[in-house]
Amino acid sequence: MSTVLEGLSDSLMRVEDDLLASLVVMGESDPQRAVDGWVDQVVDLLRAVDEVAAQHRTTLALAHSRAGTRGEAAPDDSAVDSTSTAAEPLRGDRQ
């Protein structure tokens, strides 16, 4: 699962970079403010989702390390990772 969350963070970073790189200069103040406000909201949302993903990665890492120190079998998320890897090309097709 942590691999999926890392991939999500990477994707969010690329989307944010693409969005900021495609920012249009309107030339008129009112439309420019509207576009800038929209872009700011989307970037804030992307950063918030990335922050939540980072929190989940931290939680998973703590659970994994606690299970290891107790001698328990650490959760195996390879099935989730292989499923997400197989679905990844489908997400790329939507762009």
PDB file of N, CA and C in Angstrom:
ATOM      1  N   MET A   1       0.820  -1.184   0.000  1.00  0.00           N
ATOM      2  CA  MET A   1       0.000   0.000   0.000  1.00  0.00           C
ATOM      3  C   MET A   1       0.867   1.252   0.000  1.00  0.00           C
ATOM      4  N   SER A   2       1.991   1.195   0.705  1.00  0.00           N
ATOM      5  CA  SER A   2       2.846   2.377   0.738  1.00  0.00           C
ATOM      6  C   SER A   2       3.410   2.689  -0.640  1.00  0.00           C
ATOM      7  N   THR A   3       3.613   1.671  -1.469  1.00  0.00           N
ATOM      8  CA  THR A   3       4.078   1.900  -2.831  1.00  0.00           C
ATOM      9  C   THR A   3       3.017   2.657  -3.626  1.00  0.00           C
ATOM     10  N   VAL A   4       1.760   2.309  -3.408  1.00  0.00           N
ATOM     11  CA  VAL A   4       0.661   2.997  -4.074  1.00  0.00           C
ATOM     12  C   VAL A   4       0.634   4.460  -3.641  1.00  0.00           C
ATOM     13  N   LEU A   5       0.802   4.703  -2.344  1.00  0.00           N
ATOM     14  CA  LEU A   5       0.780   6.076  -1.836  1.00  0.00           C
ATOM     15  C   LEU A   5       1.968   6.886  -2.351  1.00  0.00           C
ATOM     16  N   GLU A   6       3.125   6.241  -2.484  1.00  0.00           N
ATOM     17  CA  GLU A   6       4.283   6.940  -3.047  1.00  0.00           C
ATOM     18  C   GLU A   6       4.028   7.294  -4.505  1.00  0.00           C
ATOM     19  N   GLY A   7       3.425   6.375  -5.246  1.00  0.00           N
ATOM     20  CA  GLY A   7       3.074   6.653  -6.642  1.00  0.00           C
ATOM     21  C   GLY A   7       2.071   7.785  -6.746  1.00  0.00           C
ATOM     22  N   LEU A   8       1.126   7.817  -5.816  1.00  0.00           N
ATOM     23  CA  LEU A   8       0.145   8.901  -5.785  1.00  0.00           C
ATOM     24  C   LEU A   8       0.843  10.230  -5.555  1.00  0.00           C
ATOM     25  N   SER A   9       1.770  10.271  -4.619  1.00  0.00           N
ATOM     26  CA  SER A   9       2.501  11.513  -4.342  1.00  0.00           C
ATOM     27  C   SER A   9       3.293  11.970  -5.553  1.00  0.00           C
ATOM     28  N   ASP A  10       3.935  11.028  -6.243  1.00  0.00           N
ATOM     29  CA  ASP A  10       4.675  11.366  -7.455  1.00  0.00           C
ATOM     30  C   ASP A  10       3.748  11.937  -8.524  1.00  0.00           C
ATOM     31  N   SER A  11       2.597  11.311  -8.685  1.00  0.00           N
ATOM     32  CA  SER A  11       1.623  11.784  -9.676  1.00  0.00           C
ATOM     33  C   SER A  11       1.103  13.172  -9.320  1.00  0.00           C
ATOM     34  N   LEU A  12       0.820  13.382  -8.049  1.00  0.00           N
ATOM     35  CA  LEU A  12       0.330  14.692  -7.615  1.00  0.00           C
ATOM     36  C   LEU A  12       1.367  15.780  -7.875  1.00  0.00           C
ATOM     37  N   MET A  13       2.632  15.455  -7.646  1.00  0.00           N
ATOM     38  CA  MET A  13       3.692  16.425  -7.876  1.00  0.00           C
ATOM     39  C   MET A  13       3.784  16.773  -9.368  1.00  0.00           C
ATOM     40  N   ARG A  14       3.668  15.761 -10.224  1.00  0.00           N
ATOM     41  CA  ARG A  14       3.718  16.008 -11.671  1.00  0.00           C
ATOM     42  C   ARG A  14       2.527  16.846 -12.129  1.00  0.00           C
ATOM     43  N   VAL A  15       1.345  16.548 -11.602  1.00  0.00           N
ATOM     44  CA  VAL A  15       0.151  17.299 -11.974  1.00  0.00           C
ATOM     45  C   VAL A  15       0.299  18.757 -11.535  1.00  0.00           C
ATOM     46  N   GLU A  16       0.792  18.963 -10.332  1.00  0.00           N
ATOM     47  CA  GLU A  16       0.994  20.323  -9.845  1.00  0.00           C
ATOM     48  C   GLU A  16       1.985  21.072 -10.735  1.00  0.00           C
ATOM     49  N   ASP A  17       3.094  20.430 -11.071  1.00  0.00           N
ATOM     50  CA  ASP A  17       4.083  21.056 -11.949  1.00  0.00           C
ATOM     51  C   ASP A  17       3.488  21.386 -13.316  1.00  0.00           C
ATOM     52  N   ASP A  18       2.732  20.444 -13.882  1.00  0.00           N
ATOM     53  CA  ASP A  18       2.102  20.680 -15.186  1.00  0.00           C
ATOM     54  C   ASP A  18       1.109  21.823 -15.128  1.00  0.00           C
ATOM     55  N   LEU A  19       0.325  21.853 -14.065  1.00  0.00           N
ATOM     56  CA  LEU A  19      -0.669  22.915 -13.917  1.00  0.00           C
ATOM     57  C   LEU A  19       0.003  24.284 -13.804  1.00  0.00           C
ATOM     58  N   LEU A  20       1.018  24.369 -12.963  1.00  0.00           N
ATOM     59  CA  LEU A  20       1.700  25.653 -12.794  1.00  0.00           C
ATOM     60  C   LEU A  20       2.456  26.063 -14.063  1.00  0.00           C
ATOM     61  N   ALA A  21       2.951  25.084 -14.808  1.00  0.00           N
ATOM     62  CA  ALA A  21       3.667  25.392 -16.051  1.00  0.00           C
ATOM     63  C   ALA A  21       2.721  25.876 -17.142  1.00  0.00           C
ATOM     64  N   SER A  22       1.461  25.481 -17.058  1.00  0.00           N
ATOM     65  CA  SER A  22       0.510  25.879 -18.097  1.00  0.00           C
ATOM     66  C   SER A  22      -0.330  27.088 -17.700  1.00  0.00           C
ATOM     67  N   LEU A  23       0.058  27.759 -16.663  1.00  0.00           N
ATOM     68  CA  LEU A  23      -0.678  28.935 -16.213  1.00  0.00           C
ATOM     69  C   LEU A  23      -0.680  29.997 -17.315  1.00  0.00           C
ATOM     70  N   VAL A  24      -1.843  30.455 -17.652  1.00  0.00           N
ATOM     71  CA  VAL A  24      -2.023  31.398 -18.751  1.00  0.00           C
ATOM     72  C   VAL A  24      -2.021  32.818 -18.213  1.00  0.00           C
ATOM     73  N   VAL A  25      -1.350  33.718 -18.920  1.00  0.00           N
ATOM     74  CA  VAL A  25      -1.397  35.140 -18.596  1.00  0.00           C
ATOM     75  C   VAL A  25      -2.485  35.746 -19.466  1.00  0.00           C
ATOM     76  N   MET A  26      -3.554  36.207 -18.832  1.00  0.00           N
ATOM     77  CA  MET A  26      -4.741  36.670 -19.550  1.00  0.00           C
ATOM     78  C   MET A  26      -4.575  38.075 -20.126  1.00  0.00           C
ATOM     79  N   GLY A  27      -3.852  38.928 -19.432  1.00  0.00           N
ATOM     80  CA  GLY A  27      -3.704  40.304 -19.903  1.00  0.00           C
ATOM     81  C   GLY A  27      -4.722  41.253 -19.301  1.00  0.00           C
ATOM     82  N   GLU A  28      -5.825  40.734 -18.794  1.00  0.00           N
ATOM     83  CA  GLU A  28      -6.836  41.557 -18.134  1.00  0.00           C
ATOM     84  C   GLU A  28      -6.920  41.128 -16.679  1.00  0.00           C
ATOM     85  N   SER A  29      -7.086  42.088 -15.808  1.00  0.00           N
ATOM     86  CA  SER A  29      -6.969  41.804 -14.375  1.00  0.00           C
ATOM     87  C   SER A  29      -8.082  40.898 -13.834  1.00  0.00           C
ATOM     88  N   ASP A  30      -9.329  41.136 -14.199  1.00  0.00           N
ATOM     89  CA  ASP A  30     -10.415  40.316 -13.645  1.00  0.00           C
ATOM     90  C   ASP A  30     -10.321  38.847 -14.077  1.00  0.00           C
ATOM     91  N   PRO A  31     -10.187  38.566 -15.365  1.00  0.00           N
ATOM     92  CA  PRO A  31     -10.035  37.152 -15.750  1.00  0.00           C
ATOM     93  C   PRO A  31      -8.762  36.520 -15.167  1.00  0.00           C
ATOM     94  N   GLN A  32      -7.694  37.320 -15.071  1.00  0.00           N
ATOM     95  CA  GLN A  32      -6.447  36.787 -14.515  1.00  0.00           C
ATOM     96  C   GLN A  32      -6.632  36.386 -13.063  1.00  0.00           C
ATOM     97  N   ARG A  33      -7.333  37.226 -12.288  1.00  0.00           N
ATOM     98  CA  ARG A  33      -7.601  36.887 -10.888  1.00  0.00           C
ATOM     99  C   ARG A  33      -8.427  35.618 -10.781  1.00  0.00           C
ATOM    100  N   ALA A  34      -9.404  35.462 -11.668  1.00  0.00           N
ATOM    101  CA  ALA A  34     -10.248  34.268 -11.640  1.00  0.00           C
ATOM    102  C   ALA A  34      -9.416  33.018 -11.947  1.00  0.00           C
ATOM    103  N   VAL A  35      -8.576  33.080 -12.978  1.00  0.00           N
ATOM    104  CA  VAL A  35      -7.737  31.934 -13.337  1.00  0.00           C
ATOM    105  C   VAL A  35      -6.732  31.651 -12.223  1.00  0.00           C
ATOM    106  N   ASP A  36      -6.100  32.681 -11.700  1.00  0.00           N
ATOM    107  CA  ASP A  36      -5.126  32.498 -10.621  1.00  0.00           C
ATOM    108  C   ASP A  36      -5.784  31.879  -9.385  1.00  0.00           C
ATOM    109  N   GLY A  37      -6.979  32.337  -9.066  1.00  0.00           N
ATOM    110  CA  GLY A  37      -7.697  31.792  -7.908  1.00  0.00           C
ATOM    111  C   GLY A  37      -8.031  30.326  -8.101  1.00  0.00           C
ATOM    112  N   TRP A  38      -8.460  29.963  -9.311  1.00  0.00           N
ATOM    113  CA  TRP A  38      -8.782  28.568  -9.598  1.00  0.00           C
ATOM    114  C   TRP A  38      -7.531  27.706  -9.492  1.00  0.00           C
ATOM    115  N   VAL A  39      -6.445  28.171 -10.096  1.00  0.00           N
ATOM    116  CA  VAL A  39      -5.192  27.408 -10.051  1.00  0.00           C
ATOM    117  C   VAL A  39      -4.723  27.251  -8.602  1.00  0.00           C
ATOM    118  N   ASP A  40      -4.810  28.323  -7.814  1.00  0.00           N
ATOM    119  CA  ASP A  40      -4.413  28.245  -6.405  1.00  0.00           C
ATOM    120  C   ASP A  40      -5.242  27.209  -5.650  1.00  0.00           C
ATOM    121  N   GLN A  41      -6.537  27.160  -5.914  1.00  0.00           N
ATOM    122  CA  GLN A  41      -7.401  26.195  -5.238  1.00  0.00           C
ATOM    123  C   GLN A  41      -7.035  24.765  -5.617  1.00  0.00           C
ATOM    124  N   VAL A  42      -6.773  24.533  -6.886  1.00  0.00           N
ATOM    125  CA  VAL A  42      -6.419  23.185  -7.330  1.00  0.00           C
ATOM    126  C   VAL A  42      -5.074  22.768  -6.742  1.00  0.00           C
ATOM    127  N   VAL A  43      -4.103  23.682  -6.745  1.00  0.00           N
ATOM    128  CA  VAL A  43      -2.783  23.372  -6.173  1.00  0.00           C
ATOM    129  C   VAL A  43      -2.909  23.101  -4.680  1.00  0.00           C
ATOM    130  N   ASP A  44      -3.713  23.886  -3.975  1.00  0.00           N
ATOM    131  CA  ASP A  44      -3.934  23.639  -2.545  1.00  0.00           C
ATOM    132  C   ASP A  44      -4.557  22.264  -2.316  1.00  0.00           C
ATOM    133  N   LEU A  45      -5.516  21.881  -3.163  1.00  0.00           N
ATOM    134  CA  LEU A  45      -6.142  20.569  -3.041  1.00  0.00           C
ATOM    135  C   LEU A  45      -5.123  19.455  -3.282  1.00  0.00           C
ATOM    136  N   LEU A  46      -4.303  19.598  -4.315  1.00  0.00           N
ATOM    137  CA  LEU A  46      -3.278  18.592  -4.609  1.00  0.00           C
ATOM    138  C   LEU A  46      -2.311  18.439  -3.441  1.00  0.00           C
ATOM    139  N   ARG A  47      -1.922  19.554  -2.855  1.00  0.00           N
ATOM    140  CA  ARG A  47      -0.991  19.511  -1.717  1.00  0.00           C
ATOM    141  C   ARG A  47      -1.648  18.880  -0.493  1.00  0.00           C
ATOM    142  N   ALA A  48      -2.941  19.138  -0.290  1.00  0.00           N
ATOM    143  CA  ALA A  48      -3.653  18.538   0.839  1.00  0.00           C
ATOM    144  C   ALA A  48      -3.756  17.023   0.670  1.00  0.00           C
ATOM    145  N   VAL A  49      -4.049  16.567  -0.536  1.00  0.00           N
ATOM    146  CA  VAL A  49      -4.122  15.123  -0.790  1.00  0.00           C
ATOM    147  C   VAL A  49      -2.745  14.499  -0.572  1.00  0.00           C
ATOM    148  N   ASP A  50      -1.697  15.169  -1.021  1.00  0.00           N
ATOM    149  CA  ASP A  50      -0.343  14.659  -0.828  1.00  0.00           C
ATOM    150  C   ASP A  50       0.005  14.580   0.658  1.00  0.00           C
ATOM    151  N   GLU A  51      -0.439  15.561   1.431  1.00  0.00           N
ATOM    152  CA  GLU A  51      -0.175  15.552   2.873  1.00  0.00           C
ATOM    153  C   GLU A  51      -0.874  14.367   3.552  1.00  0.00           C
ATOM    154  N   VAL A  52      -2.104  14.094   3.155  1.00  0.00           N
ATOM    155  CA  VAL A  52      -2.831  12.955   3.718  1.00  0.00           C
ATOM    156  C   VAL A  52      -2.139  11.650   3.325  1.00  0.00           C
ATOM    157  N   ALA A  53      -1.687  11.552   2.077  1.00  0.00           N
ATOM    158  CA  ALA A  53      -0.969  10.350   1.638  1.00  0.00           C
ATOM    159  C   ALA A  53       0.309  10.167   2.454  1.00  0.00           C
ATOM    160  N   ALA A  54       1.015  11.257   2.734  1.00  0.00           N
ATOM    161  CA  ALA A  54       2.240  11.181   3.542  1.00  0.00           C
ATOM    162  C   ALA A  54       1.920  10.717   4.966  1.00  0.00           C
ATOM    163  N   GLN A  55       0.811  11.191   5.517  1.00  0.00           N
ATOM    164  CA  GLN A  55       0.413  10.757   6.855  1.00  0.00           C
ATOM    165  C   GLN A  55       0.102   9.259   6.873  1.00  0.00           C
ATOM    166  N   HIS A  56      -0.563   8.784   5.840  1.00  0.00           N
ATOM    167  CA  HIS A  56      -0.867   7.348   5.764  1.00  0.00           C
ATOM    168  C   HIS A  56       0.407   6.525   5.589  1.00  0.00           C
ATOM    169  N   ARG A  57       1.357   7.020   4.810  1.00  0.00           N
ATOM    170  CA  ARG A  57       2.630   6.305   4.667  1.00  0.00           C
ATOM    171  C   ARG A  57       3.329   6.201   6.010  1.00  0.00           C
ATOM    172  N   THR A  58       3.310   7.275   6.787  1.00  0.00           N
ATOM    173  CA  THR A  58       3.924   7.274   8.112  1.00  0.00           C
ATOM    174  C   THR A  58       3.228   6.271   9.025  1.00  0.00           C
ATOM    175  N   THR A  59       1.908   6.268   9.006  1.00  0.00           N
ATOM    176  CA  THR A  59       1.145   5.330   9.828  1.00  0.00           C
ATOM    177  C   THR A  59       1.456   3.887   9.441  1.00  0.00           C
ATOM    178  N   LEU A  60       1.513   3.614   8.151  1.00  0.00           N
ATOM    179  CA  LEU A  60       1.830   2.264   7.695  1.00  0.00           C
ATOM    180  C   LEU A  60       3.245   1.858   8.094  1.00  0.00           C
ATOM    181  N   ALA A  61       4.191   2.793   8.011  1.00  0.00           N
ATOM    182  CA  ALA A  61       5.573   2.489   8.396  1.00  0.00           C
ATOM    183  C   ALA A  61       5.658   2.178   9.892  1.00  0.00           C
ATOM    184  N   LEU A  62       4.928   2.940  10.702  1.00  0.00           N
ATOM    185  CA  LEU A  62       4.915   2.682  12.148  1.00  0.00           C
ATOM    186  C   LEU A  62       4.293   1.320  12.455  1.00  0.00           C
ATOM    187  N   ALA A  63       3.193   1.005  11.799  1.00  0.00           N
ATOM    188  CA  ALA A  63       2.550  -0.292  12.025  1.00  0.00           C
ATOM    189  C   ALA A  63       3.469  -1.424  11.589  1.00  0.00           C
ATOM    190  N   HIS A  64       4.160  -1.223  10.497  1.00  0.00           N
ATOM    191  CA  HIS A  64       5.085  -2.235   9.989  1.00  0.00           C
ATOM    192  C   HIS A  64       6.240  -2.450  10.977  1.00  0.00           C
ATOM    193  N   SER A  65       6.792  -1.357  11.494  1.00  0.00           N
ATOM    194  CA  SER A  65       7.911  -1.492  12.428  1.00  0.00           C
ATOM    195  C   SER A  65       7.464  -2.077  13.763  1.00  0.00           C
ATOM    196  N   ARG A  66       6.265  -1.716  14.229  1.00  0.00           N
ATOM    197  CA  ARG A  66       5.754  -2.284  15.485  1.00  0.00           C
ATOM    198  C   ARG A  66       5.523  -3.778  15.342  1.00  0.00           C
ATOM    199  N   ALA A  67       4.992  -4.198  14.210  1.00  0.00           N
ATOM    200  CA  ALA A  67       4.768  -5.628  13.992  1.00  0.00           C
ATOM    201  C   ALA A  67       6.103  -6.358  13.963  1.00  0.00           C
ATOM    202  N   GLY A  68       7.119  -5.739  13.399  1.00  0.00           N
ATOM    203  CA  GLY A  68       8.438  -6.357  13.341  1.00  0.00           C
ATOM    204  C   GLY A  68       9.089  -6.468  14.706  1.00  0.00           C
ATOM    205  N   THR A  69       8.917  -5.473  15.580  1.00  0.00           N
ATOM    206  CA  THR A  69       9.529  -5.513  16.905  1.00  0.00           C
ATOM    207  C   THR A  69       8.817  -6.500  17.821  1.00  0.00           C
ATOM    208  N   ARG A  70       7.559  -6.781  17.559  1.00  0.00           N
ATOM    209  CA  ARG A  70       6.817  -7.748  18.370  1.00  0.00           C
ATOM    210  C   ARG A  70       7.042  -9.177  17.892  1.00  0.00           C
ATOM    211  N   GLY A  71       7.734  -9.315  16.779  1.00  0.00           N
ATOM    212  CA  GLY A  71       7.974 -10.636  16.233  1.00  0.00           C
ATOM    213  C   GLY A  71       6.814 -11.165  15.417  1.00  0.00           C
ATOM    214  N   GLU A  72       5.840 -10.307  15.168  1.00  0.00           N
ATOM    215  CA  GLU A  72       4.690 -10.709  14.366  1.00  0.00           C
ATOM    216  C   GLU A  72       5.068 -10.606  12.889  1.00  0.00           C
ATOM    217  N   ALA A  73       4.307 -11.274  12.087  1.00  0.00           N
ATOM    218  CA  ALA A  73       4.518 -11.143  10.645  1.00  0.00           C
ATOM    219  C   ALA A  73       4.073  -9.753  10.235  1.00  0.00           C
ATOM    220  N   ALA A  74       4.961  -9.057   9.552  1.00  0.00           N
ATOM    221  CA  ALA A  74       4.627  -7.718   9.081  1.00  0.00           C
ATOM    222  C   ALA A  74       3.592  -7.815   7.973  1.00  0.00           C
ATOM    223  N   PRO A  75       2.683  -6.854   7.906  1.00  0.00           N
ATOM    224  CA  PRO A  75       1.672  -6.901   6.850  1.00  0.00           C
ATOM    225  C   PRO A  75       2.333  -6.933   5.486  1.00  0.00           C
ATOM    226  N   ASP A  76       1.860  -7.820   4.634  1.00  0.00           N
ATOM    227  CA  ASP A  76       2.398  -7.953   3.282  1.00  0.00           C
ATOM    228  C   ASP A  76       1.448  -7.245   2.335  1.00  0.00           C
ATOM    229  N   ASP A  77       1.920  -6.174   1.707  1.00  0.00           N
ATOM    230  CA  ASP A  77       1.045  -5.465   0.785  1.00  0.00           C
ATOM    231  C   ASP A  77       1.463  -5.695  -0.659  1.00  0.00           C
ATOM    232  N   SER A  78       2.139  -6.787  -0.939  1.00  0.00           N
ATOM    233  CA  SER A  78       2.573  -7.042  -2.309  1.00  0.00           C
ATOM    234  C   SER A  78       1.381  -7.273  -3.236  1.00  0.00           C
ATOM    235  N   ALA A  79       0.307  -7.876  -2.732  1.00  0.00           N
ATOM    236  CA  ALA A  79      -0.869  -8.089  -3.576  1.00  0.00           C
ATOM    237  C   ALA A  79      -1.491  -6.770  -3.971  1.00  0.00           C
ATOM    238  N   VAL A  80      -1.551  -5.831  -3.036  1.00  0.00           N
ATOM    239  CA  VAL A  80      -2.095  -4.510  -3.338  1.00  0.00           C
ATOM    240  C   VAL A  80      -1.183  -3.797  -4.316  1.00  0.00           C
ATOM    241  N   ASP A  81       0.137  -3.885  -4.113  1.00  0.00           N
ATOM    242  CA  ASP A  81       1.079  -3.211  -4.996  1.00  0.00           C
ATOM    243  C   ASP A  81       1.012  -3.763  -6.410  1.00  0.00           C
ATOM    244  N   SER A  82       0.896  -5.081  -6.571  1.00  0.00           N
ATOM    245  CA  SER A  82       0.852  -5.651  -7.916  1.00  0.00           C
ATOM    246  C   SER A  82      -0.450  -5.281  -8.612  1.00  0.00           C
ATOM    247  N   THR A  83      -1.539  -5.186  -7.867  1.00  0.00           N
ATOM    248  CA  THR A  83      -2.807  -4.771  -8.449  1.00  0.00           C
ATOM    249  C   THR A  83      -2.743  -3.331  -8.907  1.00  0.00           C
ATOM    250  N   SER A  84      -2.164  -2.469  -8.093  1.00  0.00           N
ATOM    251  CA  SER A  84      -2.077  -1.062  -8.463  1.00  0.00           C
ATOM    252  C   SER A  84      -1.128  -0.865  -9.625  1.00  0.00           C
ATOM    253  N   THR A  85      -0.048  -1.644  -9.694  1.00  0.00           N
ATOM    254  CA  THR A  85       0.887  -1.528 -10.790  1.00  0.00           C
ATOM    255  C   THR A  85       0.220  -1.945 -12.094  1.00  0.00           C
ATOM    256  N   ALA A  86      -0.598  -2.975 -12.035  1.00  0.00           N
ATOM    257  CA  ALA A  86      -1.303  -3.424 -13.234  1.00  0.00           C
ATOM    258  C   ALA A  86      -2.317  -2.398 -13.694  1.00  0.00           C
ATOM    259  N   ALA A  87      -2.906  -1.648 -12.779  1.00  0.00           N
ATOM    260  CA  ALA A  87      -3.909  -0.651 -13.135  1.00  0.00           C
ATOM    261  C   ALA A  87      -3.287   0.666 -13.559  1.00  0.00           C
ATOM    262  N   GLU A  88      -2.029   0.875 -13.297  1.00  0.00           N
ATOM    263  CA  GLU A  88      -1.370   2.150 -13.578  1.00  0.00           C
ATOM    264  C   GLU A  88      -1.472   2.579 -15.041  1.00  0.00           C
ATOM    265  N   PRO A  89      -1.257   1.694 -16.041  1.00  0.00           N
ATOM    266  CA  PRO A  89      -1.387   2.149 -17.425  1.00  0.00           C
ATOM    267  C   PRO A  89      -2.772   2.674 -17.756  1.00  0.00           C
ATOM    268  N   LEU A  90      -3.793   2.151 -17.101  1.00  0.00           N
ATOM    269  CA  LEU A  90      -5.150   2.649 -17.355  1.00  0.00           C
ATOM    270  C   LEU A  90      -5.291   4.087 -16.916  1.00  0.00           C
ATOM    271  N   ARG A  91      -4.681   4.455 -15.808  1.00  0.00           N
ATOM    272  CA  ARG A  91      -4.743   5.832 -15.339  1.00  0.00           C
ATOM    273  C   ARG A  91      -4.029   6.759 -16.306  1.00  0.00           C
ATOM    274  N   GLY A  92      -2.929   6.312 -16.865  1.00  0.00           N
ATOM    275  CA  GLY A  92      -2.178   7.137 -17.802  1.00  0.00           C
ATOM    276  C   GLY A  92      -2.937   7.373 -19.088  1.00  0.00           C
ATOM    277  N   ASP A  93      -3.822   6.446 -19.482  1.00  0.00           N
ATOM    278  CA  ASP A  93      -4.587   6.590 -20.706  1.00  0.00           C
ATOM    279  C   ASP A  93      -5.623   7.689 -20.610  1.00  0.00           C
ATOM    280  N   ARG A  94      -6.017   8.041 -19.406  1.00  0.00           N
ATOM    281  CA  ARG A  94      -7.068   9.056 -19.226  1.00  0.00           C
ATOM    282  C   ARG A  94      -6.569  10.477 -19.416  1.00  0.00           C
ATOM    283  N   GLN A  95      -5.296  10.668 -19.450  1.00  0.00           N
ATOM    284  CA  GLN A  95      -4.770  12.036 -19.498  1.00  0.00           C
ATOM    285  C   GLN A  95      -5.020  12.695 -20.805  1.00  0.00           C
TER     286      GLN A  95
END
